[in-house]
């Protein structure tokens, strides 16, 4: 990330290639699971919106369902994203059955 911030063209190419691969993987995931939203938790997507555009372009190109690439969004939690993600299963239980989760 430091090399990307410093303007290193090799780092930029590497991150763009990674974004393309992630776009392909998300297209496959979306075609199989059919989610309403895909939240990308890669740090590069916060670094520069152009990298998120690369993911979305590849996603739209690869998805067999021709899904709207707008369902791919970047997380906005910064460095705390992993801690928040770790709490997701617990919150899922609370949201699914709030009364039961609080009385268990």
PDB file of N, CA and C in Angstrom:
ATOM      1  N   UNK A   1       0.823  -1.185   0.000  1.00  0.00           N
ATOM      2  CA  UNK A   1       0.000   0.000   0.000  1.00  0.00           C
ATOM      3  C   UNK A   1       0.871   1.254   0.000  1.00  0.00           C
ATOM      4  N   UNK A   2       1.990   1.169   0.706  1.00  0.00           N
ATOM      5  CA  UNK A   2       2.891   2.331   0.733  1.00  0.00           C
ATOM      6  C   UNK A   2       3.430   2.613  -0.666  1.00  0.00           C
ATOM      7  N   UNK A   3       3.749   1.561  -1.413  1.00  0.00           N
ATOM      8  CA  UNK A   3       4.262   1.745  -2.772  1.00  0.00           C
ATOM      9  C   UNK A   3       3.190   2.333  -3.682  1.00  0.00           C
ATOM     10  N   UNK A   4       1.956   1.919  -3.503  1.00  0.00           N
ATOM     11  CA  UNK A   4       0.852   2.481  -4.300  1.00  0.00           C
ATOM     12  C   UNK A   4       0.703   3.965  -3.970  1.00  0.00           C
ATOM     13  N   UNK A   5       0.708   4.286  -2.691  1.00  0.00           N
ATOM     14  CA  UNK A   5       0.591   5.688  -2.273  1.00  0.00           C
ATOM     15  C   UNK A   5       1.733   6.538  -2.810  1.00  0.00           C
ATOM     16  N   UNK A   6       2.920   5.921  -2.931  1.00  0.00           N
ATOM     17  CA  UNK A   6       4.095   6.641  -3.427  1.00  0.00           C
ATOM     18  C   UNK A   6       4.093   6.774  -4.945  1.00  0.00           C
ATOM     19  N   UNK A   7       3.128   6.136  -5.613  1.00  0.00           N
ATOM     20  CA  UNK A   7       3.031   6.263  -7.060  1.00  0.00           C
ATOM     21  C   UNK A   7       3.850   5.253  -7.849  1.00  0.00           C
ATOM     22  N   UNK A   8       4.267   4.166  -7.225  1.00  0.00           N
ATOM     23  CA  UNK A   8       5.035   3.130  -7.912  1.00  0.00           C
ATOM     24  C   UNK A   8       4.148   2.439  -8.952  1.00  0.00           C
ATOM     25  N   UNK A   9       4.489   2.532 -10.244  1.00  0.00           N
ATOM     26  CA  UNK A   9       3.655   1.940 -11.284  1.00  0.00           C
ATOM     27  C   UNK A   9       3.576   0.414 -11.200  1.00  0.00           C
ATOM     28  N   UNK A  10       4.621  -0.226 -10.697  1.00  0.00           N
ATOM     29  CA  UNK A  10       4.584  -1.687 -10.535  1.00  0.00           C
ATOM     30  C   UNK A  10       3.582  -2.086  -9.465  1.00  0.00           C
ATOM     31  N   UNK A  11       3.548  -1.350  -8.393  1.00  0.00           N
ATOM     32  CA  UNK A  11       2.582  -1.623  -7.326  1.00  0.00           C
ATOM     33  C   UNK A  11       1.168  -1.386  -7.828  1.00  0.00           C
ATOM     34  N   UNK A  12       0.980  -0.326  -8.604  1.00  0.00           N
ATOM     35  CA  UNK A  12      -0.330  -0.040  -9.183  1.00  0.00           C
ATOM     36  C   UNK A  12      -0.793  -1.187 -10.076  1.00  0.00           C
ATOM     37  N   UNK A  13       0.100  -1.700 -10.933  1.00  0.00           N
ATOM     38  CA  UNK A  13      -0.256  -2.824 -11.808  1.00  0.00           C
ATOM     39  C   UNK A  13      -0.617  -4.059 -10.996  1.00  0.00           C
ATOM     40  N   UNK A  14       0.143  -4.310  -9.935  1.00  0.00           N
ATOM     41  CA  UNK A  14      -0.119  -5.460  -9.078  1.00  0.00           C
ATOM     42  C   UNK A  14      -1.495  -5.345  -8.421  1.00  0.00           C
ATOM     43  N   UNK A  15      -1.811  -4.178  -7.896  1.00  0.00           N
ATOM     44  CA  UNK A  15      -3.109  -3.987  -7.240  1.00  0.00           C
ATOM     45  C   UNK A  15      -4.245  -4.073  -8.265  1.00  0.00           C
ATOM     46  N   UNK A  16      -4.049  -3.518  -9.451  1.00  0.00           N
ATOM     47  CA  UNK A  16      -5.076  -3.630 -10.498  1.00  0.00           C
ATOM     48  C   UNK A  16      -5.301  -5.083 -10.904  1.00  0.00           C
ATOM     49  N   UNK A  17      -4.234  -5.847 -11.000  1.00  0.00           N
ATOM     50  CA  UNK A  17      -4.371  -7.270 -11.338  1.00  0.00           C
ATOM     51  C   UNK A  17      -5.117  -8.006 -10.236  1.00  0.00           C
ATOM     52  N   UNK A  18      -4.784  -7.701  -9.004  1.00  0.00           N
ATOM     53  CA  UNK A  18      -5.490  -8.303  -7.866  1.00  0.00           C
ATOM     54  C   UNK A  18      -6.973  -7.934  -7.909  1.00  0.00           C
ATOM     55  N   UNK A  19      -7.274  -6.687  -8.249  1.00  0.00           N
ATOM     56  CA  UNK A  19      -8.663  -6.235  -8.342  1.00  0.00           C
ATOM     57  C   UNK A  19      -9.411  -6.996  -9.434  1.00  0.00           C
ATOM     58  N   UNK A  20      -8.754  -7.275 -10.544  1.00  0.00           N
ATOM     59  CA  UNK A  20      -9.388  -8.066 -11.616  1.00  0.00           C
ATOM     60  C   UNK A  20      -9.713  -9.477 -11.134  1.00  0.00           C
ATOM     61  N   UNK A  21      -8.769 -10.098 -10.432  1.00  0.00           N
ATOM     62  CA  UNK A  21      -8.988 -11.454  -9.924  1.00  0.00           C
ATOM     63  C   UNK A  21     -10.131 -11.468  -8.921  1.00  0.00           C
ATOM     64  N   UNK A  22     -10.180 -10.475  -8.066  1.00  0.00           N
ATOM     65  CA  UNK A  22     -11.270 -10.388  -7.089  1.00  0.00           C
ATOM     66  C   UNK A  22     -12.602 -10.175  -7.800  1.00  0.00           C
ATOM     67  N   UNK A  23     -12.619  -9.354  -8.842  1.00  0.00           N
ATOM     68  CA  UNK A  23     -13.848  -9.156  -9.618  1.00  0.00           C
ATOM     69  C   UNK A  23     -14.358 -10.450 -10.218  1.00  0.00           C
ATOM     70  N   UNK A  24     -13.445 -11.277 -10.721  1.00  0.00           N
ATOM     71  CA  UNK A  24     -13.830 -12.592 -11.261  1.00  0.00           C
ATOM     72  C   UNK A  24     -14.417 -13.481 -10.180  1.00  0.00           C
ATOM     73  N   UNK A  25     -13.749 -13.518  -9.034  1.00  0.00           N
ATOM     74  CA  UNK A  25     -14.226 -14.355  -7.933  1.00  0.00           C
ATOM     75  C   UNK A  25     -15.595 -13.896  -7.443  1.00  0.00           C
ATOM     76  N   UNK A  26     -15.789 -12.591  -7.366  1.00  0.00           N
ATOM     77  CA  UNK A  26     -17.089 -12.072  -6.927  1.00  0.00           C
ATOM     78  C   UNK A  26     -18.188 -12.390  -7.935  1.00  0.00           C
ATOM     79  N   UNK A  27     -17.852 -12.371  -9.218  1.00  0.00           N
ATOM     80  CA  UNK A  27     -18.842 -12.714 -10.245  1.00  0.00           C
ATOM     81  C   UNK A  27     -19.297 -14.155 -10.075  1.00  0.00           C
ATOM     82  N   UNK A  28     -18.356 -15.048  -9.845  1.00  0.00           N
ATOM     83  CA  UNK A  28     -18.702 -16.450  -9.621  1.00  0.00           C
ATOM     84  C   UNK A  28     -19.550 -16.604  -8.366  1.00  0.00           C
ATOM     85  N   UNK A  29     -19.141 -15.946  -7.304  1.00  0.00           N
ATOM     86  CA  UNK A  29     -19.894 -15.996  -6.054  1.00  0.00           C
ATOM     87  C   UNK A  29     -21.317 -15.483  -6.248  1.00  0.00           C
ATOM     88  N   UNK A  30     -21.455 -14.365  -6.926  1.00  0.00           N
ATOM     89  CA  UNK A  30     -22.779 -13.784  -7.147  1.00  0.00           C
ATOM     90  C   UNK A  30     -23.653 -14.687  -8.008  1.00  0.00           C
ATOM     91  N   UNK A  31     -23.059 -15.331  -8.998  1.00  0.00           N
ATOM     92  CA  UNK A  31     -23.828 -16.230  -9.857  1.00  0.00           C
ATOM     93  C   UNK A  31     -24.314 -17.463  -9.094  1.00  0.00           C
ATOM     94  N   UNK A  32     -23.558 -17.893  -8.091  1.00  0.00           N
ATOM     95  CA  UNK A  32     -23.931 -19.079  -7.321  1.00  0.00           C
ATOM     96  C   UNK A  32     -24.865 -18.726  -6.163  1.00  0.00           C
ATOM     97  N   UNK A  33     -24.543 -17.669  -5.422  1.00  0.00           N
ATOM     98  CA  UNK A  33     -25.259 -17.343  -4.184  1.00  0.00           C
ATOM     99  C   UNK A  33     -26.395 -16.341  -4.398  1.00  0.00           C
ATOM    100  N   UNK A  34     -26.259 -15.480  -5.416  1.00  0.00           N
ATOM    101  CA  UNK A  34     -27.263 -14.466  -5.734  1.00  0.00           C
ATOM    102  C   UNK A  34     -27.533 -13.506  -4.568  1.00  0.00           C
ATOM    103  N   UNK A  35     -26.481 -12.844  -4.061  1.00  0.00           N
ATOM    104  CA  UNK A  35     -26.661 -11.939  -2.919  1.00  0.00           C
ATOM    105  C   UNK A  35     -27.259 -10.593  -3.342  1.00  0.00           C
ATOM    106  N   UNK A  36     -27.768  -9.876  -2.373  1.00  0.00           N
ATOM    107  CA  UNK A  36     -28.271  -8.526  -2.620  1.00  0.00           C
ATOM    108  C   UNK A  36     -27.148  -7.504  -2.610  1.00  0.00           C
ATOM    109  N   UNK A  37     -26.050  -7.835  -1.943  1.00  0.00           N
ATOM    110  CA  UNK A  37     -24.948  -6.899  -1.777  1.00  0.00           C
ATOM    111  C   UNK A  37     -23.659  -7.680  -1.549  1.00  0.00           C
ATOM    112  N   UNK A  38     -22.577  -7.192  -2.118  1.00  0.00           N
ATOM    113  CA  UNK A  38     -21.242  -7.755  -1.865  1.00  0.00           C
ATOM    114  C   UNK A  38     -20.373  -6.630  -1.308  1.00  0.00           C
ATOM    115  N   UNK A  39     -19.869  -6.802  -0.098  1.00  0.00           N
ATOM    116  CA  UNK A  39     -19.042  -5.785   0.538  1.00  0.00           C
ATOM    117  C   UNK A  39     -17.585  -6.210   0.418  1.00  0.00           C
ATOM    118  N   UNK A  40     -16.821  -5.424  -0.277  1.00  0.00           N
ATOM    119  CA  UNK A  40     -15.405  -5.694  -0.502  1.00  0.00           C
ATOM    120  C   UNK A  40     -14.605  -5.139   0.668  1.00  0.00           C
ATOM    121  N   UNK A  41     -13.810  -5.989   1.312  1.00  0.00           N
ATOM    122  CA  UNK A  41     -13.042  -5.555   2.480  1.00  0.00           C
ATOM    123  C   UNK A  41     -11.550  -5.487   2.191  1.00  0.00           C
ATOM    124  N   UNK A  42     -11.190  -5.274   0.959  1.00  0.00           N
ATOM    125  CA  UNK A  42      -9.792  -5.100   0.584  1.00  0.00           C
ATOM    126  C   UNK A  42      -9.388  -3.652   0.873  1.00  0.00           C
ATOM    127  N   UNK A  43      -8.215  -3.467   1.445  1.00  0.00           N
ATOM    128  CA  UNK A  43      -7.768  -2.114   1.776  1.00  0.00           C
ATOM    129  C   UNK A  43      -7.577  -1.245   0.534  1.00  0.00           C
ATOM    130  N   UNK A  44      -7.208  -1.856  -0.570  1.00  0.00           N
ATOM    131  CA  UNK A  44      -6.969  -1.049  -1.769  1.00  0.00           C
ATOM    132  C   UNK A  44      -8.238  -0.363  -2.255  1.00  0.00           C
ATOM    133  N   UNK A  45      -9.405  -0.954  -1.964  1.00  0.00           N
ATOM    134  CA  UNK A  45     -10.651  -0.340  -2.425  1.00  0.00           C
ATOM    135  C   UNK A  45     -10.926   0.981  -1.713  1.00  0.00           C
ATOM    136  N   UNK A  46     -10.347   1.160  -0.540  1.00  0.00           N
ATOM    137  CA  UNK A  46     -10.456   2.443   0.169  1.00  0.00           C
ATOM    138  C   UNK A  46      -9.354   3.405  -0.269  1.00  0.00           C
ATOM    139  N   UNK A  47      -8.276   2.852  -0.771  1.00  0.00           N
ATOM    140  CA  UNK A  47      -7.127   3.649  -1.159  1.00  0.00           C
ATOM    141  C   UNK A  47      -7.426   4.553  -2.341  1.00  0.00           C
ATOM    142  N   UNK A  48      -8.115   4.004  -3.332  1.00  0.00           N
ATOM    143  CA  UNK A  48      -8.414   4.758  -4.542  1.00  0.00           C
ATOM    144  C   UNK A  48      -9.666   4.151  -5.171  1.00  0.00           C
ATOM    145  N   UNK A  49     -10.698   4.949  -5.415  1.00  0.00           N
ATOM    146  CA  UNK A  49     -11.928   4.426  -6.020  1.00  0.00           C
ATOM    147  C   UNK A  49     -11.698   3.768  -7.379  1.00  0.00           C
ATOM    148  N   UNK A  50     -10.613   4.098  -8.049  1.00  0.00           N
ATOM    149  CA  UNK A  50     -10.322   3.487  -9.351  1.00  0.00           C
ATOM    150  C   UNK A  50     -10.131   1.980  -9.217  1.00  0.00           C
ATOM    151  N   UNK A  51      -9.595   1.515  -8.105  1.00  0.00           N
ATOM    152  CA  UNK A  51      -9.412   0.080  -7.905  1.00  0.00           C
ATOM    153  C   UNK A  51     -10.752  -0.626  -7.727  1.00  0.00           C
ATOM    154  N   UNK A  52     -11.669   0.018  -7.044  1.00  0.00           N
ATOM    155  CA  UNK A  52     -13.014  -0.540  -6.923  1.00  0.00           C
ATOM    156  C   UNK A  52     -13.675  -0.596  -8.299  1.00  0.00           C
ATOM    157  N   UNK A  53     -13.426   0.395  -9.129  1.00  0.00           N
ATOM    158  CA  UNK A  53     -13.963   0.387 -10.494  1.00  0.00           C
ATOM    159  C   UNK A  53     -13.428  -0.791 -11.295  1.00  0.00           C
ATOM    160  N   UNK A  54     -12.161  -1.147 -11.078  1.00  0.00           N
ATOM    161  CA  UNK A  54     -11.585  -2.312 -11.763  1.00  0.00           C
ATOM    162  C   UNK A  54     -12.322  -3.578 -11.335  1.00  0.00           C
ATOM    163  N   UNK A  55     -12.574  -3.725 -10.038  1.00  0.00           N
ATOM    164  CA  UNK A  55     -13.319  -4.880  -9.529  1.00  0.00           C
ATOM    165  C   UNK A  55     -14.701  -4.923 -10.172  1.00  0.00           C
ATOM    166  N   UNK A  56     -15.392  -3.803 -10.157  1.00  0.00           N
ATOM    167  CA  UNK A  56     -16.753  -3.748 -10.705  1.00  0.00           C
ATOM    168  C   UNK A  56     -16.783  -4.054 -12.203  1.00  0.00           C
ATOM    169  N   UNK A  57     -15.815  -3.533 -12.947  1.00  0.00           N
ATOM    170  CA  UNK A  57     -15.757  -3.782 -14.387  1.00  0.00           C
ATOM    171  C   UNK A  57     -15.575  -5.266 -14.665  1.00  0.00           C
ATOM    172  N   UNK A  58     -14.649  -5.879 -13.969  1.00  0.00           N
ATOM    173  CA  UNK A  58     -14.402  -7.316 -14.161  1.00  0.00           C
ATOM    174  C   UNK A  58     -15.607  -8.130 -13.713  1.00  0.00           C
ATOM    175  N   UNK A  59     -16.232  -7.712 -12.621  1.00  0.00           N
ATOM    176  CA  UNK A  59     -17.439  -8.383 -12.129  1.00  0.00           C
ATOM    177  C   UNK A  59     -18.529  -8.368 -13.208  1.00  0.00           C
ATOM    178  N   UNK A  60     -18.792  -7.201 -13.761  1.00  0.00           N
ATOM    179  CA  UNK A  60     -19.844  -7.073 -14.779  1.00  0.00           C
ATOM    180  C   UNK A  60     -19.507  -7.873 -16.034  1.00  0.00           C
ATOM    181  N   UNK A  61     -18.236  -7.927 -16.373  1.00  0.00           N
ATOM    182  CA  UNK A  61     -17.804  -8.651 -17.563  1.00  0.00           C
ATOM    183  C   UNK A  61     -17.914 -10.158 -17.387  1.00  0.00           C
ATOM    184  N   UNK A  62     -17.681 -10.657 -16.175  1.00  0.00           N
ATOM    185  CA  UNK A  62     -17.621 -12.098 -15.924  1.00  0.00           C
ATOM    186  C   UNK A  62     -18.914 -12.733 -15.439  1.00  0.00           C
ATOM    187  N   UNK A  63     -19.795 -11.954 -14.836  1.00  0.00           N
ATOM    188  CA  UNK A  63     -21.018 -12.527 -14.276  1.00  0.00           C
ATOM    189  C   UNK A  63     -21.905 -13.068 -15.388  1.00  0.00           C
ATOM    190  N   UNK A  64     -22.323 -14.299 -15.243  1.00  0.00           N
ATOM    191  CA  UNK A  64     -23.219 -14.911 -16.234  1.00  0.00           C
ATOM    192  C   UNK A  64     -24.643 -14.385 -16.095  1.00  0.00           C
ATOM    193  N   UNK A  65     -24.964 -13.886 -14.922  1.00  0.00           N
ATOM    194  CA  UNK A  65     -26.300 -13.331 -14.703  1.00  0.00           C
ATOM    195  C   UNK A  65     -26.387 -11.879 -15.160  1.00  0.00           C
ATOM    196  N   UNK A  66     -25.253 -11.305 -15.569  1.00  0.00           N
ATOM    197  CA  UNK A  66     -25.177  -9.892 -15.992  1.00  0.00           C
ATOM    198  C   UNK A  66     -25.730  -8.984 -14.904  1.00  0.00           C
ATOM    199  N   UNK A  67     -25.293  -9.236 -13.702  1.00  0.00           N
ATOM    200  CA  UNK A  67     -25.760  -8.489 -12.543  1.00  0.00           C
ATOM    201  C   UNK A  67     -25.210  -7.076 -12.548  1.00  0.00           C
ATOM    202  N   UNK A  68     -25.891  -6.211 -11.868  1.00  0.00           N
ATOM    203  CA  UNK A  68     -25.466  -4.822 -11.721  1.00  0.00           C
ATOM    204  C   UNK A  68     -24.198  -4.773 -10.871  1.00  0.00           C
ATOM    205  N   UNK A  69     -23.131  -4.232 -11.419  1.00  0.00           N
ATOM    206  CA  UNK A  69     -21.869  -4.147 -10.687  1.00  0.00           C
ATOM    207  C   UNK A  69     -21.964  -3.208  -9.494  1.00  0.00           C
ATOM    208  N   UNK A  70     -23.036  -2.430  -9.409  1.00  0.00           N
ATOM    209  CA  UNK A  70     -23.234  -1.543  -8.271  1.00  0.00           C
ATOM    210  C   UNK A  70     -23.495  -2.276  -6.976  1.00  0.00           C
ATOM    211  N   UNK A  71     -23.772  -3.590  -7.047  1.00  0.00           N
ATOM    212  CA  UNK A  71     -23.974  -4.336  -5.807  1.00  0.00           C
ATOM    213  C   UNK A  71     -22.646  -4.637  -5.120  1.00  0.00           C
ATOM    214  N   UNK A  72     -21.525  -4.346  -5.790  1.00  0.00           N
ATOM    215  CA  UNK A  72     -20.202  -4.467  -5.174  1.00  0.00           C
ATOM    216  C   UNK A  72     -19.857  -3.112  -4.569  1.00  0.00           C
ATOM    217  N   UNK A  73     -19.767  -3.077  -3.249  1.00  0.00           N
ATOM    218  CA  UNK A  73     -19.442  -1.829  -2.548  1.00  0.00           C
ATOM    219  C   UNK A  73     -18.202  -2.038  -1.690  1.00  0.00           C
ATOM    220  N   UNK A  74     -17.511  -0.960  -1.405  1.00  0.00           N
ATOM    221  CA  UNK A  74     -16.332  -1.018  -0.547  1.00  0.00           C
ATOM    222  C   UNK A  74     -16.741  -0.792   0.897  1.00  0.00           C
ATOM    223  N   UNK A  75     -16.077  -1.494   1.786  1.00  0.00           N
ATOM    224  CA  UNK A  75     -16.329  -1.278   3.217  1.00  0.00           C
ATOM    225  C   UNK A  75     -15.828   0.104   3.602  1.00  0.00           C
ATOM    226  N   UNK A  76     -16.390   0.647   4.640  1.00  0.00           N
ATOM    227  CA  UNK A  76     -16.015   1.990   5.062  1.00  0.00           C
ATOM    228  C   UNK A  76     -15.505   2.009   6.501  1.00  0.00           C
ATOM    229  N   UNK A  77     -15.045   0.865   6.972  1.00  0.00           N
ATOM    230  CA  UNK A  77     -14.643   0.759   8.370  1.00  0.00           C
ATOM    231  C   UNK A  77     -13.147   0.882   8.570  1.00  0.00           C
ATOM    232  N   UNK A  78     -12.398   1.057   7.518  1.00  0.00           N
ATOM    233  CA  UNK A  78     -10.955   1.245   7.635  1.00  0.00           C
ATOM    234  C   UNK A  78     -10.260   0.100   8.332  1.00  0.00           C
ATOM    235  N   UNK A  79      -9.372   0.420   9.229  1.00  0.00           N
ATOM    236  CA  UNK A  79      -8.549  -0.584   9.902  1.00  0.00           C
ATOM    237  C   UNK A  79      -9.363  -1.494  10.815  1.00  0.00           C
ATOM    238  N   UNK A  80     -10.567  -1.093  11.189  1.00  0.00           N
ATOM    239  CA  UNK A  80     -11.393  -1.889  12.099  1.00  0.00           C
ATOM    240  C   UNK A  80     -12.223  -2.948  11.389  1.00  0.00           C
ATOM    241  N   UNK A  81     -12.075  -3.083  10.088  1.00  0.00           N
ATOM    242  CA  UNK A  81     -12.954  -3.970   9.333  1.00  0.00           C
ATOM    243  C   UNK A  81     -12.888  -5.416   9.815  1.00  0.00           C
ATOM    244  N   UNK A  82     -11.724  -5.932  10.155  1.00  0.00           N
ATOM    245  CA  UNK A  82     -11.630  -7.326  10.594  1.00  0.00           C
ATOM    246  C   UNK A  82     -12.300  -7.545  11.943  1.00  0.00           C
ATOM    247  N   UNK A  83     -12.173  -6.592  12.843  1.00  0.00           N
ATOM    248  CA  UNK A  83     -12.836  -6.716  14.140  1.00  0.00           C
ATOM    249  C   UNK A  83     -14.352  -6.695  13.979  1.00  0.00           C
ATOM    250  N   UNK A  84     -14.841  -5.837  13.118  1.00  0.00           N
ATOM    251  CA  UNK A  84     -16.286  -5.772  12.870  1.00  0.00           C
ATOM    252  C   UNK A  84     -16.763  -7.057  12.206  1.00  0.00           C
ATOM    253  N   UNK A  85     -16.003  -7.554  11.227  1.00  0.00           N
ATOM    254  CA  UNK A  85     -16.378  -8.792  10.541  1.00  0.00           C
ATOM    255  C   UNK A  85     -16.435  -9.967  11.506  1.00  0.00           C
ATOM    256  N   UNK A  86     -15.537 -10.001  12.478  1.00  0.00           N
ATOM    257  CA  UNK A  86     -15.524 -11.091  13.450  1.00  0.00           C
ATOM    258  C   UNK A  86     -16.806 -11.111  14.289  1.00  0.00           C
ATOM    259  N   UNK A  87     -17.409  -9.962  14.498  1.00  0.00           N
ATOM    260  CA  UNK A  87     -18.645  -9.894  15.276  1.00  0.00           C
ATOM    261  C   UNK A  87     -19.900 -10.175  14.476  1.00  0.00           C
ATOM    262  N   UNK A  88     -19.782 -10.304  13.183  1.00  0.00           N
ATOM    263  CA  UNK A  88     -20.944 -10.477  12.320  1.00  0.00           C
ATOM    264  C   UNK A  88     -21.786 -11.706  12.663  1.00  0.00           C
ATOM    265  N   UNK A  89     -21.197 -12.884  12.906  1.00  0.00           N
ATOM    266  CA  UNK A  89     -22.038 -14.046  13.236  1.00  0.00           C
ATOM    267  C   UNK A  89     -22.893 -13.822  14.489  1.00  0.00           C
ATOM    268  N   UNK A  90     -22.328 -13.185  15.494  1.00  0.00           N
ATOM    269  CA  UNK A  90     -23.099 -12.918  16.706  1.00  0.00           C
ATOM    270  C   UNK A  90     -24.228 -11.941  16.432  1.00  0.00           C
ATOM    271  N   UNK A  91     -23.942 -10.907  15.660  1.00  0.00           N
ATOM    272  CA  UNK A  91     -24.989  -9.944  15.332  1.00  0.00           C
ATOM    273  C   UNK A  91     -26.066 -10.568  14.455  1.00  0.00           C
ATOM    274  N   UNK A  92     -25.684 -11.503  13.589  1.00  0.00           N
ATOM    275  CA  UNK A  92     -26.664 -12.194  12.748  1.00  0.00           C
ATOM    276  C   UNK A  92     -27.698 -12.914  13.592  1.00  0.00           C
ATOM    277  N   UNK A  93     -27.266 -13.567  14.653  1.00  0.00           N
ATOM    278  CA  UNK A  93     -28.192 -14.261  15.556  1.00  0.00           C
ATOM    279  C   UNK A  93     -29.105 -13.278  16.269  1.00  0.00           C
ATOM    280  N   UNK A  94     -28.542 -12.148  16.679  1.00  0.00           N
ATOM    281  CA  UNK A  94     -29.347 -11.130  17.360  1.00  0.00           C
ATOM    282  C   UNK A  94     -30.402 -10.559  16.415  1.00  0.00           C
ATOM    283  N   UNK A  95     -30.018 -10.245  15.196  1.00  0.00           N
ATOM    284  CA  UNK A  95     -30.970  -9.675  14.245  1.00  0.00           C
ATOM    285  C   UNK A  95     -32.017 -10.683  13.792  1.00  0.00           C
ATOM    286  N   UNK A  96     -31.643 -11.950  13.676  1.00  0.00           N
ATOM    287  CA  UNK A  96     -32.585 -12.967  13.221  1.00  0.00           C
ATOM    288  C   UNK A  96     -33.663 -13.246  14.267  1.00  0.00           C
ATOM    289  N   UNK A  97     -33.244 -13.336  15.534  1.00  0.00           N
ATOM    290  CA  UNK A  97     -34.190 -13.630  16.624  1.00  0.00           C
ATOM    291  C   UNK A  97     -33.782 -12.833  17.854  1.00  0.00           C
ATOM    292  N   UNK A  98     -34.124 -11.558  17.889  1.00  0.00           N
ATOM    293  CA  UNK A  98     -33.630 -10.693  18.969  1.00  0.00           C
ATOM    294  C   UNK A  98     -34.020 -11.143  20.364  1.00  0.00           C
ATOM    295  N   UNK A  99     -35.249 -11.541  20.572  1.00  0.00           N
ATOM    296  CA  UNK A  99     -35.691 -11.926  21.916  1.00  0.00           C
ATOM    297  C   UNK A  99     -34.991 -13.191  22.360  1.00  0.00           C
ATOM    298  N   UNK A 100     -34.929 -14.160  21.470  1.00  0.00           N
ATOM    299  CA  UNK A 100     -34.264 -15.425  21.821  1.00  0.00           C
ATOM    300  C   UNK A 100     -32.777 -15.211  22.102  1.00  0.00           C
ATOM    301  N   UNK A 101     -32.118 -14.389  21.312  1.00  0.00           N
ATOM    302  CA  UNK A 101     -30.691 -14.140  21.511  1.00  0.00           C
ATOM    303  C   UNK A 101     -30.418 -13.481  22.868  1.00  0.00           C
ATOM    304  N   UNK A 102     -31.334 -12.652  23.323  1.00  0.00           N
ATOM    305  CA  UNK A 102     -31.132 -11.944  24.579  1.00  0.00           C
ATOM    306  C   UNK A 102     -31.491 -12.800  25.806  1.00  0.00           C
ATOM    307  N   UNK A 103     -32.281 -13.829  25.597  1.00  0.00           N
ATOM    308  CA  UNK A 103     -32.682 -14.677  26.736  1.00  0.00           C
ATOM    309  C   UNK A 103     -31.870 -15.954  26.831  1.00  0.00           C
ATOM    310  N   UNK A 104     -31.037 -16.224  25.858  1.00  0.00           N
ATOM    311  CA  UNK A 104     -30.244 -17.469  25.869  1.00  0.00           C
ATOM    312  C   UNK A 104     -29.066 -17.375  26.793  1.00  0.00           C
TER     313      UNK A 104
END
